Amino acid sequence: MKLFSGLGRAKPTPKDSIVQLRETLQMLEKRESFLQAKVDNELKIAKANAQKNRRAAMMALKRKKQFETQMEKISGSRLTIETQVMAIESANVNLETMKAMRAGADAMKGIHRDMDINKVDNIMEEIREQWELADEISNAISEPVGFGIEMDEDELAKELEDLEQEELDKQLMETQAQPRIGLPSVPTHVPELEDEDEAELKELQASMAM
């Protein structure tokens, strides 16, 4: 027979401890329900014998008191176990959080193992050079191609000015060649109203001659 055989046992995991504590809680809850039924039954007996059998009623109340005392102890045990469960769950959450953070830190360390600031600077410099090269190529492509013909900007401006002057001279000559518009002629006939007055005057003169 081995001495201290319990020393070789594996330590329970947080999950195992929580499971065991919850099973204990269930057992205590069942025991509490059983005792509550006993309390209710003894109270019923005491009420039934309160008038006709005082001794039996007193015994029932004593048993009821004993059951209630056990229920109080069970209630205290339940509270202690529930507190333990919450503490273990909280500690387990902290442990899992720390493991996740440790894994994240190890992952970042692995990623940065082949990286340093000098390598990053070199890569960024290469990227800038390639962007500058791409910009130069884009500008070269977008510039108009003269196919070897050199153009004098001043000469082109003089030619454009001559064309504009030629167009103005042409418009001026067309304006001078158009026929002049005459003024309206003065009417040569006497208005009709004057003819009527003249006729009336002649008739008056003729009547006076008679």
C-alpha atoms as a PDB file:
ATOM      1  CA  MET A   1       0.000   0.000   0.000  1.00  0.00           C
ATOM      2  CA  LYS A   2       1.363   3.333  -1.112  1.00  0.00           C
ATOM      3  CA  LEU A   3       1.813   6.043   1.405  1.00  0.00           C
ATOM      4  CA  PHE A   4       0.483   9.459   0.468  1.00  0.00           C
ATOM      5  CA  SER A   5      -1.258   7.989  -2.576  1.00  0.00           C
ATOM      6  CA  GLY A   6      -3.329  11.139  -2.885  1.00  0.00           C
ATOM      7  CA  LEU A   7      -0.264  13.185  -3.844  1.00  0.00           C
ATOM      8  CA  GLY A   8      -0.205  11.640  -7.307  1.00  0.00           C
ATOM      9  CA  ARG A   9      -3.675  12.783  -8.275  1.00  0.00           C
ATOM     10  CA  ALA A  10      -4.052  15.398 -10.972  1.00  0.00           C
ATOM     11  CA  LYS A  11      -5.357  18.732  -9.827  1.00  0.00           C
ATOM     12  CA  PRO A  12      -8.974  19.337 -10.822  1.00  0.00           C
ATOM     13  CA  THR A  13      -9.494  21.819 -13.592  1.00  0.00           C
ATOM     14  CA  PRO A  14     -11.686  24.892 -13.050  1.00  0.00           C
ATOM     15  CA  LYS A  15     -14.358  23.248 -15.179  1.00  0.00           C
ATOM     16  CA  ASP A  16     -14.297  20.077 -13.045  1.00  0.00           C
ATOM     17  CA  SER A  17     -14.536  22.115  -9.859  1.00  0.00           C
ATOM     18  CA  ILE A  18     -17.483  24.107 -11.167  1.00  0.00           C
ATOM     19  CA  VAL A  19     -19.294  20.930 -12.233  1.00  0.00           C
ATOM     20  CA  GLN A  20     -18.759  19.351  -8.813  1.00  0.00           C
ATOM     21  CA  LEU A  21     -19.934  22.450  -6.972  1.00  0.00           C
ATOM     22  CA  ARG A  22     -23.073  22.716  -9.104  1.00  0.00           C
ATOM     23  CA  GLU A  23     -23.875  19.072  -8.443  1.00  0.00           C
ATOM     24  CA  THR A  24     -23.542  19.787  -4.721  1.00  0.00           C
ATOM     25  CA  LEU A  25     -25.889  22.755  -5.104  1.00  0.00           C
ATOM     26  CA  GLN A  26     -28.483  20.552  -6.765  1.00  0.00           C
ATOM     27  CA  MET A  27     -28.224  18.043  -3.908  1.00  0.00           C
ATOM     28  CA  LEU A  28     -28.658  20.792  -1.315  1.00  0.00           C
ATOM     29  CA  GLU A  29     -31.652  22.210  -3.188  1.00  0.00           C
ATOM     30  CA  LYS A  30     -33.320  18.799  -3.138  1.00  0.00           C
ATOM     31  CA  ARG A  31     -32.568  18.425   0.578  1.00  0.00           C
ATOM     32  CA  GLU A  32     -33.992  21.882   1.208  1.00  0.00           C
ATOM     33  CA  SER A  33     -37.180  21.037  -0.672  1.00  0.00           C
ATOM     34  CA  PHE A  34     -37.520  17.812   1.347  1.00  0.00           C
ATOM     35  CA  LEU A  35     -37.120  19.693   4.630  1.00  0.00           C
ATOM     36  CA  GLN A  36     -39.610  22.344   3.522  1.00  0.00           C
ATOM     37  CA  ALA A  37     -42.169  19.607   2.953  1.00  0.00           C
ATOM     38  CA  LYS A  38     -41.448  18.276   6.460  1.00  0.00           C
ATOM     39  CA  VAL A  39     -41.916  21.770   7.933  1.00  0.00           C
ATOM     40  CA  ASP A  40     -45.245  22.188   6.157  1.00  0.00           C
ATOM     41  CA  ASN A  41     -46.426  18.754   7.358  1.00  0.00           C
ATOM     42  CA  GLU A  42     -45.463  19.376  11.012  1.00  0.00           C
ATOM     43  CA  LEU A  43     -47.216  22.759  10.897  1.00  0.00           C
ATOM     44  CA  LYS A  44     -50.321  21.028   9.578  1.00  0.00           C
ATOM     45  CA  ILE A  45     -50.179  18.473  12.465  1.00  0.00           C
ATOM     46  CA  ALA A  46     -49.730  21.251  15.034  1.00  0.00           C
ATOM     47  CA  LYS A  47     -52.767  23.133  13.726  1.00  0.00           C
ATOM     48  CA  ALA A  48     -54.884  19.977  13.731  1.00  0.00           C
ATOM     49  CA  ASN A  49     -54.019  19.163  17.367  1.00  0.00           C
ATOM     50  CA  ALA A  50     -53.923  22.683  18.778  1.00  0.00           C
ATOM     51  CA  GLN A  51     -57.360  22.310  20.430  1.00  0.00           C
ATOM     52  CA  LYS A  52     -57.791  18.590  21.104  1.00  0.00           C
ATOM     53  CA  ASN A  53     -54.210  17.331  21.777  1.00  0.00           C
ATOM     54  CA  ARG A  54     -51.886  20.042  23.027  1.00  0.00           C
ATOM     55  CA  ARG A  55     -48.969  17.623  23.643  1.00  0.00           C
ATOM     56  CA  ALA A  56     -49.032  16.331  20.049  1.00  0.00           C
ATOM     57  CA  ALA A  57     -49.170  19.915  18.774  1.00  0.00           C
ATOM     58  CA  MET A  58     -46.120  20.898  20.827  1.00  0.00           C
ATOM     59  CA  MET A  59     -44.126  17.894  19.556  1.00  0.00           C
ATOM     60  CA  ALA A  60     -45.006  18.810  15.989  1.00  0.00           C
ATOM     61  CA  LEU A  61     -43.808  22.379  16.515  1.00  0.00           C
ATOM     62  CA  LYS A  62     -40.504  21.118  17.980  1.00  0.00           C
ATOM     63  CA  ARG A  63     -39.892  18.879  14.949  1.00  0.00           C
ATOM     64  CA  LYS A  64     -40.815  21.812  12.694  1.00  0.00           C
ATOM     65  CA  LYS A  65     -38.232  23.952  14.489  1.00  0.00           C
ATOM     66  CA  GLN A  66     -35.534  21.282  14.001  1.00  0.00           C
ATOM     67  CA  PHE A  67     -36.287  21.038  10.283  1.00  0.00           C
ATOM     68  CA  GLU A  68     -36.159  24.832   9.940  1.00  0.00           C
ATOM     69  CA  THR A  69     -32.764  24.887  11.707  1.00  0.00           C
ATOM     70  CA  GLN A  70     -31.419  22.350   9.192  1.00  0.00           C
ATOM     71  CA  MET A  71     -32.835  24.443   6.345  1.00  0.00           C
ATOM     72  CA  GLU A  72     -31.011  27.514   7.629  1.00  0.00           C
ATOM     73  CA  LYS A  73     -27.721  25.601   7.663  1.00  0.00           C
ATOM     74  CA  ILE A  74     -28.350  24.306   4.142  1.00  0.00           C
ATOM     75  CA  SER A  75     -29.181  27.827   2.983  1.00  0.00           C
ATOM     76  CA  GLY A  76     -25.848  29.057   4.370  1.00  0.00           C
ATOM     77  CA  SER A  77     -24.006  26.192   2.655  1.00  0.00           C
ATOM     78  CA  ARG A  78     -25.707  27.000  -0.638  1.00  0.00           C
ATOM     79  CA  LEU A  79     -24.678  30.635  -0.375  1.00  0.00           C
ATOM     80  CA  THR A  80     -21.056  29.628   0.278  1.00  0.00           C
ATOM     81  CA  ILE A  81     -20.983  27.233  -2.680  1.00  0.00           C
ATOM     82  CA  GLU A  82     -22.639  29.757  -5.020  1.00  0.00           C
ATOM     83  CA  THR A  83     -19.992  32.294  -4.005  1.00  0.00           C
ATOM     84  CA  GLN A  84     -17.276  29.735  -4.761  1.00  0.00           C
ATOM     85  CA  VAL A  85     -18.774  29.008  -8.182  1.00  0.00           C
ATOM     86  CA  MET A  86     -18.845  32.694  -9.088  1.00  0.00           C
ATOM     87  CA  ALA A  87     -15.273  33.171  -7.864  1.00  0.00           C
ATOM     88  CA  ILE A  88     -13.993  30.176  -9.859  1.00  0.00           C
ATOM     89  CA  GLU A  89     -15.875  31.276 -12.980  1.00  0.00           C
ATOM     90  CA  SER A  90     -14.452  34.784 -12.669  1.00  0.00           C
ATOM     91  CA  ALA A  91     -10.932  33.443 -12.129  1.00  0.00           C
ATOM     92  CA  ASN A  92     -11.361  31.083 -15.088  1.00  0.00           C
ATOM     93  CA  VAL A  93     -12.463  33.978 -17.310  1.00  0.00           C
ATOM     94  CA  ASN A  94      -9.389  35.917 -16.243  1.00  0.00           C
ATOM     95  CA  LEU A  95      -7.209  32.878 -16.960  1.00  0.00           C
ATOM     96  CA  GLU A  96      -8.670  32.358 -20.439  1.00  0.00           C
ATOM     97  CA  THR A  97      -8.336  36.077 -21.152  1.00  0.00           C
ATOM     98  CA  MET A  98      -4.685  35.989 -20.125  1.00  0.00           C
ATOM     99  CA  LYS A  99      -4.088  32.922 -22.331  1.00  0.00           C
ATOM    100  CA  ALA A 100      -5.689  34.683 -25.296  1.00  0.00           C
ATOM    101  CA  MET A 101      -3.589  37.789 -24.702  1.00  0.00           C
ATOM    102  CA  ARG A 102      -0.461  35.639 -24.369  1.00  0.00           C
ATOM    103  CA  ALA A 103      -1.291  33.895 -27.648  1.00  0.00           C
ATOM    104  CA  GLY A 104      -1.838  37.268 -29.316  1.00  0.00           C
ATOM    105  CA  ALA A 105       1.473  38.575 -28.023  1.00  0.00           C
ATOM    106  CA  ASP A 106       3.274  35.443 -29.256  1.00  0.00           C
ATOM    107  CA  ALA A 107       1.623  35.801 -32.663  1.00  0.00           C
ATOM    108  CA  MET A 108       2.729  39.426 -32.941  1.00  0.00           C
ATOM    109  CA  LYS A 109       6.223  38.456 -31.850  1.00  0.00           C
ATOM    110  CA  GLY A 110       6.313  35.816 -34.575  1.00  0.00           C
ATOM    111  CA  ILE A 111       5.118  38.318 -37.175  1.00  0.00           C
ATOM    112  CA  HIS A 112       7.683  40.911 -36.139  1.00  0.00           C
ATOM    113  CA  ARG A 113      10.504  38.394 -35.892  1.00  0.00           C
ATOM    114  CA  ASP A 114      11.457  38.947 -39.539  1.00  0.00           C
ATOM    115  CA  MET A 115      10.728  42.671 -39.471  1.00  0.00           C
ATOM    116  CA  ASP A 116      12.672  45.666 -38.233  1.00  0.00           C
ATOM    117  CA  ILE A 117      12.485  49.406 -38.753  1.00  0.00           C
ATOM    118  CA  ASN A 118      15.303  49.386 -41.312  1.00  0.00           C
ATOM    119  CA  LYS A 119      13.488  46.852 -43.482  1.00  0.00           C
ATOM    120  CA  VAL A 120      10.285  48.860 -43.235  1.00  0.00           C
ATOM    121  CA  ASP A 121      12.122  52.063 -44.208  1.00  0.00           C
ATOM    122  CA  ASN A 122      13.694  50.308 -47.204  1.00  0.00           C
ATOM    123  CA  ILE A 123      10.341  48.979 -48.358  1.00  0.00           C
ATOM    124  CA  MET A 124       8.706  52.404 -48.010  1.00  0.00           C
ATOM    125  CA  GLU A 125      11.572  53.984 -49.973  1.00  0.00           C
ATOM    126  CA  GLU A 126      11.098  51.440 -52.758  1.00  0.00           C
ATOM    127  CA  ILE A 127       7.374  52.172 -52.806  1.00  0.00           C
ATOM    128  CA  ARG A 128       8.031  55.924 -53.077  1.00  0.00           C
ATOM    129  CA  GLU A 129      10.504  55.364 -55.922  1.00  0.00           C
ATOM    130  CA  GLN A 130       8.003  53.243 -57.814  1.00  0.00           C
ATOM    131  CA  TRP A 131       5.289  55.868 -57.339  1.00  0.00           C
ATOM    132  CA  GLU A 132       7.608  58.574 -58.658  1.00  0.00           C
ATOM    133  CA  LEU A 133       8.516  56.403 -61.638  1.00  0.00           C
ATOM    134  CA  ALA A 134       4.855  55.709 -62.355  1.00  0.00           C
ATOM    135  CA  ASP A 135       4.114  59.447 -62.168  1.00  0.00           C
ATOM    136  CA  GLU A 136       6.929  60.255 -64.603  1.00  0.00           C
ATOM    137  CA  ILE A 137       5.707  57.598 -67.016  1.00  0.00           C
ATOM    138  CA  SER A 138       2.134  58.912 -66.778  1.00  0.00           C
ATOM    139  CA  ASN A 139       3.290  62.481 -67.483  1.00  0.00           C
ATOM    140  CA  ALA A 140       5.388  61.343 -70.426  1.00  0.00           C
ATOM    141  CA  ILE A 141       2.468  59.460 -71.941  1.00  0.00           C
ATOM    142  CA  SER A 142       0.046  62.362 -71.492  1.00  0.00           C
ATOM    143  CA  GLU A 143       2.305  64.990 -73.173  1.00  0.00           C
ATOM    144  CA  PRO A 144       1.488  65.709 -76.855  1.00  0.00           C
ATOM    145  CA  VAL A 145       3.989  64.304 -79.314  1.00  0.00           C
ATOM    146  CA  GLY A 146       5.372  66.723 -81.943  1.00  0.00           C
ATOM    147  CA  PHE A 147       7.035  63.992 -84.023  1.00  0.00           C
ATOM    148  CA  GLY A 148      10.236  66.059 -84.286  1.00  0.00           C
ATOM    149  CA  ILE A 149       8.548  69.273 -85.519  1.00  0.00           C
ATOM    150  CA  GLU A 150       9.636  72.308 -83.521  1.00  0.00           C
ATOM    151  CA  MET A 151       6.994  75.008 -83.214  1.00  0.00           C
ATOM    152  CA  ASP A 152       7.569  78.716 -82.517  1.00  0.00           C
ATOM    153  CA  GLU A 153       4.841  79.921 -80.197  1.00  0.00           C
ATOM    154  CA  ASP A 154       5.399  83.585 -81.183  1.00  0.00           C
ATOM    155  CA  GLU A 155       5.100  82.742 -84.866  1.00  0.00           C
ATOM    156  CA  LEU A 156       1.855  80.883 -84.282  1.00  0.00           C
ATOM    157  CA  ALA A 157       0.464  83.810 -82.280  1.00  0.00           C
ATOM    158  CA  LYS A 158       1.358  86.245 -85.141  1.00  0.00           C
ATOM    159  CA  GLU A 159      -0.354  83.993 -87.649  1.00  0.00           C
ATOM    160  CA  LEU A 160      -3.481  83.866 -85.511  1.00  0.00           C
ATOM    161  CA  GLU A 161      -3.474  87.676 -85.196  1.00  0.00           C
ATOM    162  CA  ASP A 162      -3.225  88.059 -89.012  1.00  0.00           C
ATOM    163  CA  LEU A 163      -6.173  85.713 -89.473  1.00  0.00           C
ATOM    164  CA  GLU A 164      -8.266  87.721 -87.029  1.00  0.00           C
ATOM    165  CA  GLN A 165      -7.399  91.011 -88.799  1.00  0.00           C
ATOM    166  CA  GLU A 166      -8.225  89.472 -92.170  1.00  0.00           C
ATOM    167  CA  GLU A 167     -11.630  88.411 -90.894  1.00  0.00           C
ATOM    168  CA  LEU A 168     -12.314  91.933 -89.540  1.00  0.00           C
ATOM    169  CA  ASP A 169     -11.359  93.542 -92.887  1.00  0.00           C
ATOM    170  CA  LYS A 170     -13.650  91.161 -94.734  1.00  0.00           C
ATOM    171  CA  GLN A 171     -16.589  92.032 -92.482  1.00  0.00           C
ATOM    172  CA  LEU A 172     -15.911  95.787 -92.953  1.00  0.00           C
ATOM    173  CA  MET A 173     -15.883  95.476 -96.763  1.00  0.00           C
ATOM    174  CA  GLU A 174     -19.158  93.556 -96.734  1.00  0.00           C
ATOM    175  CA  THR A 175     -20.731  96.300 -94.623  1.00  0.00           C
ATOM    176  CA  GLN A 176     -19.631  99.064 -97.042  1.00  0.00           C
ATOM    177  CA  ALA A 177     -20.907  97.152-100.095  1.00  0.00           C
ATOM    178  CA  GLN A 178     -24.500  96.976 -98.824  1.00  0.00           C
ATOM    179  CA  PRO A 179     -26.993  99.536-100.536  1.00  0.00           C
ATOM    180  CA  ARG A 180     -28.006 102.585 -98.552  1.00  0.00           C
ATOM    181  CA  ILE A 181     -31.545 102.707 -97.244  1.00  0.00           C
ATOM    182  CA  GLY A 182     -33.427 105.878 -98.544  1.00  0.00           C
ATOM    183  CA  LEU A 183     -35.506 108.193 -96.452  1.00  0.00           C
ATOM    184  CA  PRO A 184     -39.292 108.038 -96.874  1.00  0.00           C
ATOM    185  CA  SER A 185     -40.572 110.382 -99.658  1.00  0.00           C
ATOM    186  CA  VAL A 186     -42.832 113.335 -98.924  1.00  0.00           C
ATOM    187  CA  PRO A 187     -46.406 112.667-100.070  1.00  0.00           C
ATOM    188  CA  THR A 188     -47.333 114.672-103.229  1.00  0.00           C
ATOM    189  CA  HIS A 189     -51.059 114.349-103.051  1.00  0.00           C
ATOM    190  CA  VAL A 190     -53.422 116.458-100.901  1.00  0.00           C
ATOM    191  CA  PRO A 191     -55.139 114.539 -98.225  1.00  0.00           C
ATOM    192  CA  GLU A 192     -58.719 113.580 -98.875  1.00  0.00           C
ATOM    193  CA  LEU A 193     -59.943 115.965 -96.203  1.00  0.00           C
ATOM    194  CA  GLU A 194     -58.516 118.927 -98.157  1.00  0.00           C
ATOM    195  CA  ASP A 195     -60.352 117.773-101.361  1.00  0.00           C
ATOM    196  CA  GLU A 196     -63.686 117.769 -99.529  1.00  0.00           C
ATOM    197  CA  ASP A 197     -63.124 121.302 -98.214  1.00  0.00           C
ATOM    198  CA  GLU A 198     -62.204 122.539-101.684  1.00  0.00           C
ATOM    199  CA  ALA A 199     -65.359 121.049-103.207  1.00  0.00           C
ATOM    200  CA  GLU A 200     -67.528 122.575-100.516  1.00  0.00           C
ATOM    201  CA  LEU A 201     -65.937 126.000-101.153  1.00  0.00           C
ATOM    202  CA  LYS A 202     -66.622 125.750-104.892  1.00  0.00           C
ATOM    203  CA  GLU A 203     -70.243 124.887-104.277  1.00  0.00           C
ATOM    204  CA  LEU A 204     -70.591 127.896-101.979  1.00  0.00           C
ATOM    205  CA  GLN A 205     -69.046 130.202-104.592  1.00  0.00           C
ATOM    206  CA  ALA A 206     -71.364 128.879-107.301  1.00  0.00           C
ATOM    207  CA  SER A 207     -74.470 129.462-105.194  1.00  0.00           C
ATOM    208  CA  MET A 208     -73.429 133.040-104.476  1.00  0.00           C
ATOM    209  CA  ALA A 209     -72.900 133.762-108.179  1.00  0.00           C
ATOM    210  CA  MET A 210     -76.434 132.796-108.926  1.00  0.00           C
END
